[in-house]
Amino acid sequence: MAPPPSGALKNVEENLRAVIETLYEISVGVHEFQGPESVDVIANLINKLSTQYQTLDSVAAKPELDVAVPREVIQYIEDGRNPDIYTREFVEIVVKQNQFMKGKMEAYRDFRDVLGDQIKVSFPELREKVDEVIEATGGRSKKEGGQNGGGS
């Protein structure tokens, strides 16, 4: 999925900043509540917040802003953890799996070569077919095998 256009994302970011600022103003108003004269100020701020939420919802609902966020990342944030930790752990897991798969591929490649050599020794009449199979599966070619004594 392509990243959202920077202009659309900037618009959402600005709306989020406005919402956060209004929430801060409400918290200050509630903390410094002075009685009946503060009620109108707080009511106006709550109305402003409601309008900002509606605006944010309409701006963020655009299809070009549809960004898939893994549930695990959201859970990390909800748990108060840094999402960069999730990214780092994910990369470490992928590297580990990649190394494991590379090892498996190398083991299968070596097994293919050893098995091919043993079949050629045991069944000399299949030498050409074995060479064709080894070459077709990405192994050494007949020319390489003849030049360097059969090793890869």
Protein backbone atom coordinates (compact mmCIF):
# COMPACT_ATOMS: atom_id res chain seq x y z
CA MET A 1 0.00 0.00 0.00
CA ALA A 2 1.40 3.39 -1.00
CA PRO A 3 1.98 5.98 1.71
CA PRO A 4 -0.67 8.69 1.95
CA PRO A 5 0.00 12.02 0.22
CA SER A 6 1.93 14.34 2.49
CA GLY A 7 -0.60 17.19 2.08
CA ALA A 8 -3.51 15.05 3.26
CA LEU A 9 -1.49 13.68 6.14
CA LYS A 10 -0.38 17.19 7.12
CA ASN A 11 -4.04 18.26 7.24
CA VAL A 12 -4.87 15.40 9.62
CA GLU A 13 -1.83 16.24 11.72
CA GLU A 14 -2.89 19.90 12.01
CA ASN A 15 -6.41 18.85 13.04
CA LEU A 16 -4.98 16.50 15.66
CA ARG A 17 -2.81 19.29 17.05
CA ALA A 18 -5.88 21.54 17.31
CA VAL A 19 -7.80 18.82 19.17
CA ILE A 20 -4.91 18.30 21.57
CA GLU A 21 -4.63 22.03 22.17
CA THR A 22 -8.36 22.29 22.91
CA LEU A 23 -8.17 19.32 25.29
CA TYR A 24 -5.33 21.08 27.09
CA GLU A 25 -7.38 24.30 27.32
CA ILE A 26 -10.31 22.31 28.76
CA SER A 27 -8.08 20.66 31.35
CA VAL A 28 -6.69 24.05 32.39
CA GLY A 29 -10.22 25.48 32.57
CA VAL A 30 -11.43 22.62 34.73
CA HIS A 31 -8.37 22.84 36.98
CA GLU A 32 -8.82 26.58 37.49
CA PHE A 33 -12.61 26.43 37.75
CA GLN A 34 -13.87 29.75 39.18
CA GLY A 35 -17.55 28.94 39.51
CA PRO A 36 -20.47 30.02 37.30
CA GLU A 37 -18.37 32.39 35.16
CA SER A 38 -16.13 29.47 34.07
CA VAL A 39 -19.08 27.32 32.97
CA ASP A 40 -19.60 29.30 29.76
CA VAL A 41 -15.90 29.17 28.87
CA ILE A 42 -15.71 25.41 29.41
CA ALA A 43 -18.98 24.85 27.53
CA ASN A 44 -17.62 26.84 24.57
CA LEU A 45 -14.41 24.82 24.63
CA ILE A 46 -16.37 21.55 24.69
CA ASN A 47 -18.46 22.72 21.71
CA LYS A 48 -15.24 23.70 19.93
CA LEU A 49 -13.80 20.24 20.69
CA SER A 50 -16.91 18.55 19.32
CA THR A 51 -16.61 20.54 16.08
CA GLN A 52 -12.90 19.71 15.84
CA TYR A 53 -13.65 16.00 16.28
CA GLN A 54 -16.20 16.17 13.46
CA THR A 55 -13.69 17.95 11.22
CA LEU A 56 -10.97 15.46 12.09
CA ASP A 57 -13.29 12.56 11.35
CA SER A 58 -14.22 13.94 7.94
CA VAL A 59 -10.59 14.73 7.04
CA ALA A 60 -9.26 11.36 8.24
CA ALA A 61 -12.01 9.35 6.51
CA LYS A 62 -10.58 10.03 3.05
CA PRO A 63 -9.62 6.82 1.19
CA GLU A 64 -6.08 8.05 0.45
CA LEU A 65 -5.42 8.13 4.19
CA ASP A 66 -6.32 4.47 4.69
CA VAL A 67 -3.12 3.21 6.31
CA ALA A 68 -2.88 -0.32 7.66
CA VAL A 69 -1.31 -0.36 11.12
CA PRO A 70 -0.55 -3.80 12.59
CA ARG A 71 -2.66 -4.58 15.63
CA GLU A 72 0.51 -5.40 17.57
CA VAL A 73 1.79 -1.83 17.09
CA ILE A 74 -1.48 -0.42 18.42
CA GLN A 75 -1.24 -2.79 21.40
CA TYR A 76 2.34 -1.60 22.07
CA ILE A 77 1.16 2.01 22.11
CA GLU A 78 -1.84 1.20 24.33
CA ASP A 79 0.52 -0.56 26.75
CA GLY A 80 2.63 2.61 26.92
CA ARG A 81 5.53 1.08 25.02
CA ASN A 82 7.51 2.63 22.19
CA PRO A 83 6.40 1.36 18.75
CA ASP A 84 10.03 1.54 17.63
CA ILE A 85 10.66 -1.41 19.94
CA TYR A 86 8.09 -3.41 17.99
CA THR A 87 9.79 -2.47 14.73
CA ARG A 88 13.22 -3.44 16.06
CA GLU A 89 11.95 -6.79 17.40
CA PHE A 90 10.13 -7.46 14.11
CA VAL A 91 13.30 -6.80 12.11
CA GLU A 92 15.30 -9.06 14.44
CA ILE A 93 12.78 -11.87 13.97
CA VAL A 94 12.81 -11.46 10.18
CA VAL A 95 16.63 -11.52 10.13
CA LYS A 96 16.64 -14.68 12.25
CA GLN A 97 14.10 -16.39 9.99
CA ASN A 98 16.03 -15.25 6.93
CA GLN A 99 19.26 -16.75 8.30
CA PHE A 100 17.45 -19.98 9.14
CA MET A 101 15.98 -20.22 5.63
CA LYS A 102 19.37 -19.43 4.09
CA GLY A 103 20.88 -22.26 6.12
CA LYS A 104 18.16 -24.63 4.96
CA MET A 105 18.69 -23.63 1.32
CA GLU A 106 22.44 -24.16 1.62
CA ALA A 107 21.88 -27.55 3.25
CA TYR A 108 19.50 -28.64 0.47
CA ARG A 109 21.95 -27.37 -2.16
CA ASP A 110 24.80 -29.33 -0.58
CA PHE A 111 22.59 -32.39 -0.25
CA ARG A 112 21.61 -32.10 -3.94
CA ASP A 113 25.27 -31.98 -4.96
CA VAL A 114 26.32 -34.89 -2.73
CA LEU A 115 23.35 -37.00 -3.79
CA GLY A 116 24.04 -36.23 -7.46
CA ASP A 117 27.70 -37.23 -7.07
CA GLN A 118 26.74 -40.49 -5.34
CA ILE A 119 24.12 -41.34 -7.98
CA LYS A 120 26.72 -40.72 -10.70
CA VAL A 121 29.12 -43.09 -8.93
CA SER A 122 26.49 -45.76 -8.33
CA PHE A 123 24.69 -45.42 -11.68
CA PRO A 124 27.19 -44.21 -14.29
CA GLU A 125 24.57 -44.55 -17.05
CA LEU A 126 22.58 -41.69 -15.40
CA ARG A 127 25.53 -39.26 -15.36
CA GLU A 128 24.10 -36.98 -18.08
CA LYS A 129 20.60 -36.92 -16.57
CA VAL A 130 22.00 -36.15 -13.12
CA ASP A 131 24.10 -33.31 -14.54
CA GLU A 132 20.99 -31.93 -16.29
CA VAL A 133 18.95 -32.06 -13.09
CA ILE A 134 21.71 -30.43 -11.03
CA GLU A 135 22.14 -27.66 -13.60
CA ALA A 136 18.36 -27.14 -13.91
CA THR A 137 18.06 -26.74 -10.14
CA GLY A 138 20.76 -24.06 -9.98
CA GLY A 139 23.70 -26.33 -9.32
CA ARG A 140 27.09 -26.41 -10.98
CA SER A 141 27.18 -26.86 -14.71
CA LYS A 142 28.94 -29.74 -16.44
CA LYS A 143 31.70 -27.36 -17.55
CA GLU A 144 32.32 -26.15 -13.99
CA GLY A 145 32.36 -29.72 -12.66
CA GLY A 146 34.88 -30.84 -15.29
CA GLN A 147 37.21 -27.86 -14.82
CA ASN A 148 37.56 -27.90 -11.06
CA GLY A 149 37.38 -31.60 -10.33
CA GLY A 150 33.65 -31.80 -9.58
CA GLY A 151 33.53 -29.32 -6.65
CA SER A 152 31.41 -26.17 -6.46
